[in-house]
Structures are given as C-alpha cells and as structure tokens.
C-alpha cells in the first residue's frame, strides 16, 4: 500500500512539474539556419507561446507553420530542456532572378519564389521568362541547368533563357553566349565550354554551341 501511494505521489509530482509548474515552460525561442528570412518573422510564424509547458508544445504544428514561409524549404523543431525551443530552418537557395511587376523574384531550382528585391541581384543571373505557378517545363529546365553549374561558371553567368525545355541558352558576363540545349549532360557541357575558351577559336567566338556535346560549334 505504501509503495502504491509513493508511486502515485511521484507520478503526481512529475506531472505537476511538467504541466503545472513554471519550471519547464517555454522561455526562449531560438532560430538557426536563416539567412534570407528575418528571424523575428520566423518566430512570429512559429506561434510558440512563451510560458507554455514544454510537454504541451506541438512540434509538428510549429514545423508546418514555419514551412509555409516562402523562404523556407523545410524546418525542424527541437525541445531543449528546460525551457528553449529551437527552430532549424533550411531555406530555399535562389539560383536566378526574374523581373515581374517592377520587382525581381528570386527563384530556387524548383521555380519557387524565395524572396523578392527592388533591384536585380548582382550575384544571380537574370531569367528571361515570365514566372508562373506552377513553373512551366522550360523555366524548370533553365533553373535546373543554372543549379547544376559549378560555382566558377555560375559566378560568370549574367542571364539564362529557355524558349523550350530543349533550348536553354546561357549568357556570360563577358558577352559570350552558350547554346546549352536540354538540361542534361551538364558535366560534359561544362568541360567543353571551359576547354573551348582556352582555344584560339573559342576565345574569339561570340557563341559556343554545346547542345550536342559530340559536335561542338562556334561562331
């Protein structure tokens, strides 16, 4: 009998500590992984109430609310006892910008808008296409090509266009146009572009066509 009473008392005390006391309640909300989205907006979207008992926190609901932010690709929510909630976000990575309605939309590889800006970002190529929801196949092909380029070549990229999924064209900051073709064989095409630029024919060319990697042409 004594043991039973003791167990009940211990369980009751534990329940009080978890649910009723001020010892294990949410006191802080931390955010990590955010570069585009302001942290205060993530905290606001999370909707975590300070003073809420930690065990009552519905991490799945918090995660879903944060993931609805356009900058966020995914989110994880962790309890850090005794009183901290940590939100880890994985943001969308813009690979190109598209002008729309007087603003520049920053698009990730999937055509999702990660952010917008009043001026064209200096570090992103300009996509010659009208953004649509869902993104059309040609736009997705262009974004896929840009996303797969190595950093060195992507930094030299000024613009990208794709009238169709099989006709992606890159424009470098040097003025060189690269007819890329379909979004495939990226490694082969990158090596060909780099190799051609080291030759006399390539250095003097205004256009390099690697749409068919087996037959490269310049003009």
Protein backbone atom coordinates (compact mmCIF):
# COMPACT_ATOMS: atom_id res chain seq x y z
CA UNK A 1 0.00 0.00 0.00
CA UNK A 2 2.78 2.36 0.95
CA UNK A 3 4.59 1.63 -2.32
CA UNK A 4 1.45 2.36 -4.31
CA UNK A 5 0.94 5.65 -2.55
CA UNK A 6 4.58 6.54 -3.11
CA UNK A 7 4.35 5.79 -6.84
CA UNK A 8 1.20 7.86 -7.18
CA UNK A 9 2.85 10.71 -5.34
CA UNK A 10 5.94 10.57 -7.54
CA UNK A 11 3.84 10.49 -10.69
CA UNK A 12 1.72 13.35 -9.44
CA UNK A 13 4.79 15.41 -8.66
CA UNK A 14 6.29 14.67 -12.05
CA UNK A 15 3.05 15.64 -13.76
CA UNK A 16 2.90 18.87 -11.80
CA UNK A 17 6.49 19.70 -12.75
CA UNK A 18 5.81 19.02 -16.43
CA UNK A 19 2.37 20.53 -16.77
CA UNK A 20 1.59 22.79 -13.87
CA UNK A 21 4.77 24.38 -12.59
CA UNK A 22 6.76 27.27 -14.04
CA UNK A 23 9.94 25.19 -14.08
CA UNK A 24 9.64 23.55 -17.51
CA UNK A 25 7.89 26.12 -19.69
CA UNK A 26 8.93 27.81 -22.92
CA UNK A 27 11.17 30.73 -22.07
CA UNK A 28 13.19 31.18 -25.26
CA UNK A 29 12.72 30.53 -28.99
CA UNK A 30 15.94 30.19 -30.99
CA UNK A 31 16.27 30.18 -34.79
CA UNK A 32 19.20 28.84 -36.78
CA UNK A 33 19.83 28.45 -40.50
CA UNK A 34 18.07 31.67 -41.50
CA UNK A 35 19.81 33.98 -43.96
CA UNK A 36 17.01 35.29 -46.16
CA UNK A 37 14.02 35.22 -43.83
CA UNK A 38 14.24 37.58 -40.82
CA UNK A 39 14.42 35.60 -37.60
CA UNK A 40 11.66 37.64 -35.97
CA UNK A 41 9.32 36.72 -38.82
CA UNK A 42 10.15 33.04 -38.36
CA UNK A 43 9.43 33.32 -34.64
CA UNK A 44 6.15 35.06 -35.40
CA UNK A 45 5.16 32.39 -37.91
CA UNK A 46 6.04 29.64 -35.44
CA UNK A 47 3.47 30.96 -32.99
CA UNK A 48 5.17 29.47 -29.92
CA UNK A 49 3.68 30.99 -26.78
CA UNK A 50 6.12 31.83 -24.02
CA UNK A 51 5.08 30.23 -20.76
CA UNK A 52 3.61 27.17 -22.46
CA UNK A 53 4.59 23.92 -20.72
CA UNK A 54 7.28 22.28 -22.84
CA UNK A 55 5.44 18.95 -22.98
CA UNK A 56 2.41 20.64 -24.49
CA UNK A 57 4.37 22.04 -27.41
CA UNK A 58 3.11 20.52 -30.67
CA UNK A 59 6.33 20.48 -32.64
CA UNK A 60 4.64 19.20 -35.80
CA UNK A 61 2.27 22.17 -35.87
CA UNK A 62 5.12 24.61 -35.32
CA UNK A 63 7.13 22.98 -38.10
CA UNK A 64 4.20 23.20 -40.52
CA UNK A 65 3.62 26.88 -39.78
CA UNK A 66 7.26 27.78 -40.34
CA UNK A 67 7.44 25.72 -43.55
CA UNK A 68 4.65 27.84 -45.01
CA UNK A 69 7.01 30.82 -45.23
CA UNK A 70 8.09 31.22 -48.85
CA UNK A 71 11.78 31.41 -47.95
CA UNK A 72 11.70 28.09 -46.09
CA UNK A 73 12.11 24.75 -47.82
CA UNK A 74 11.87 22.70 -44.62
CA UNK A 75 12.06 23.14 -40.86
CA UNK A 76 12.78 21.11 -37.75
CA UNK A 77 11.65 21.95 -34.23
CA UNK A 78 13.51 20.75 -31.14
CA UNK A 79 12.83 20.97 -27.42
CA UNK A 80 15.91 22.00 -25.48
CA UNK A 81 15.13 21.44 -21.83
CA UNK A 82 14.42 23.09 -19.54
CA UNK A 83 12.85 25.97 -21.49
CA UNK A 84 14.15 26.54 -25.03
CA UNK A 85 12.52 25.77 -28.36
CA UNK A 86 15.00 25.60 -31.23
CA UNK A 87 13.81 26.04 -34.83
CA UNK A 88 16.23 24.89 -37.52
CA UNK A 89 15.29 26.08 -40.99
CA UNK A 90 16.56 25.03 -44.37
CA UNK A 91 15.97 27.92 -46.70
CA UNK A 92 15.38 27.85 -50.43
CA UNK A 93 18.54 28.68 -52.38
CA UNK A 94 17.93 31.24 -55.15
CA UNK A 95 19.69 30.38 -58.42
CA UNK A 96 18.19 33.05 -60.69
CA UNK A 97 16.10 36.22 -60.66
CA UNK A 98 13.09 37.08 -62.85
CA UNK A 99 11.56 40.52 -63.27
CA UNK A 100 7.88 40.70 -62.50
CA UNK A 101 5.64 43.65 -61.67
CA UNK A 102 8.52 46.05 -61.12
CA UNK A 103 10.25 43.66 -58.68
CA UNK A 104 12.81 40.91 -59.06
CA UNK A 105 11.71 37.49 -57.86
CA UNK A 106 14.47 35.22 -56.56
CA UNK A 107 13.77 31.66 -57.71
CA UNK A 108 15.14 28.36 -56.46
CA UNK A 109 15.78 25.29 -58.64
CA UNK A 110 12.16 24.26 -58.35
CA UNK A 111 10.82 27.62 -59.53
CA UNK A 112 9.67 28.61 -56.04
CA UNK A 113 9.98 32.27 -55.05
CA UNK A 114 12.43 32.51 -52.17
CA UNK A 115 12.39 36.31 -51.89
CA UNK A 116 11.99 39.47 -53.94
CA UNK A 117 14.05 42.61 -54.40
CA UNK A 118 13.65 46.09 -55.82
CA UNK A 119 16.84 45.79 -57.89
CA UNK A 120 18.38 42.93 -59.84
CA UNK A 121 20.71 40.97 -57.52
CA UNK A 122 24.31 41.29 -58.68
CA UNK A 123 25.12 37.68 -57.84
CA UNK A 124 22.22 36.00 -59.68
CA UNK A 125 21.62 35.57 -63.42
CA UNK A 126 18.50 37.13 -64.89
CA UNK A 127 15.97 34.62 -66.17
CA UNK A 128 14.25 35.73 -69.35
CA UNK A 129 10.85 34.25 -68.63
CA UNK A 130 7.58 35.19 -67.01
CA UNK A 131 7.27 33.37 -63.64
CA UNK A 132 4.24 31.11 -63.44
CA UNK A 133 2.67 28.84 -60.84
CA UNK A 134 3.35 26.03 -61.26
CA UNK A 135 6.57 26.74 -63.19
CA UNK A 136 6.46 25.75 -66.86
CA UNK A 137 8.82 23.00 -68.14
CA UNK A 138 11.07 25.46 -69.98
CA UNK A 139 11.62 27.57 -66.85
CA UNK A 140 12.33 24.45 -64.79
CA UNK A 141 14.88 23.31 -67.38
CA UNK A 142 16.66 26.68 -67.25
CA UNK A 143 16.73 26.69 -63.44
CA UNK A 144 17.98 23.11 -63.36
CA UNK A 145 20.89 24.00 -65.65
CA UNK A 146 21.86 27.01 -63.54
CA UNK A 147 21.58 24.99 -60.34
CA UNK A 148 23.90 22.29 -61.67
CA UNK A 149 26.65 24.62 -62.90
CA UNK A 150 29.91 24.68 -60.93
CA UNK A 151 30.46 27.78 -58.83
CA UNK A 152 33.13 29.22 -61.13
CA UNK A 153 30.91 29.18 -64.19
CA UNK A 154 27.77 30.22 -62.32
CA UNK A 155 29.51 33.35 -60.99
CA UNK A 156 30.21 34.41 -64.58
CA UNK A 157 26.62 33.92 -65.63
CA UNK A 158 24.63 37.06 -66.45
CA UNK A 159 21.45 35.60 -67.89
CA UNK A 160 19.60 32.47 -68.92
CA UNK A 161 16.71 31.89 -71.30
CA UNK A 162 14.72 28.86 -72.43
CA UNK A 163 12.01 29.17 -75.09
CA UNK A 164 11.55 25.41 -74.65
CA UNK A 165 12.97 22.74 -72.31
CA UNK A 166 15.40 21.66 -75.07
CA UNK A 167 16.71 25.15 -75.88
CA UNK A 168 18.36 26.57 -72.77
CA UNK A 169 20.82 29.39 -73.56
CA UNK A 170 23.32 30.97 -71.18
CA UNK A 171 24.78 34.45 -71.44
CA UNK A 172 28.07 35.10 -69.63
CA UNK A 173 29.17 38.45 -68.24
CA UNK A 174 31.95 38.52 -70.85
CA UNK A 175 29.31 38.67 -73.60
CA UNK A 176 29.76 35.04 -74.64
CA UNK A 177 26.57 33.12 -75.43
CA UNK A 178 26.45 29.40 -74.71
CA UNK A 179 23.77 27.41 -76.51
CA UNK A 180 23.19 24.71 -73.91
CA UNK A 181 20.22 22.82 -75.28
CA UNK A 182 18.47 20.37 -72.99
CA UNK A 183 19.14 20.16 -69.24
CA UNK A 184 21.31 17.07 -69.49
CA UNK A 185 24.98 16.00 -69.65
CA UNK A 186 25.95 19.01 -67.53
CA UNK A 187 29.42 17.72 -66.72
CA UNK A 188 30.29 17.12 -70.37
CA UNK A 189 28.99 20.52 -71.45
CA UNK A 190 30.85 22.39 -68.70
CA UNK A 191 34.13 20.71 -69.67
CA UNK A 192 33.56 21.57 -73.33
CA UNK A 193 32.81 25.24 -72.60
CA UNK A 194 35.89 25.58 -70.41
CA UNK A 195 38.08 23.79 -72.94
CA UNK A 196 36.81 25.87 -75.88
CA UNK A 197 37.51 29.10 -74.02
CA UNK A 198 41.15 28.08 -73.78
CA UNK A 199 41.48 27.68 -77.56
CA UNK A 200 42.01 30.47 -80.08
CA UNK A 201 38.71 29.65 -81.79
CA UNK A 202 36.84 29.72 -78.52
CA UNK A 203 38.43 32.96 -77.31
CA UNK A 204 37.39 34.71 -80.50
CA UNK A 205 33.88 33.29 -80.60
CA UNK A 206 30.74 35.10 -79.57
CA UNK A 207 28.72 31.88 -79.36
CA UNK A 208 29.63 28.34 -78.33
CA UNK A 209 27.07 25.65 -79.08
CA UNK A 210 27.30 22.59 -76.82
CA UNK A 211 23.70 21.50 -77.26
CA UNK A 212 25.06 18.36 -78.91
CA UNK A 213 28.26 17.65 -76.94
CA UNK A 214 29.54 15.30 -79.62
CA UNK A 215 29.61 18.10 -82.20
CA UNK A 216 30.63 21.49 -80.71
CA UNK A 217 30.41 24.55 -82.92
CA UNK A 218 31.43 28.20 -82.52
CA UNK A 219 30.61 31.38 -84.36
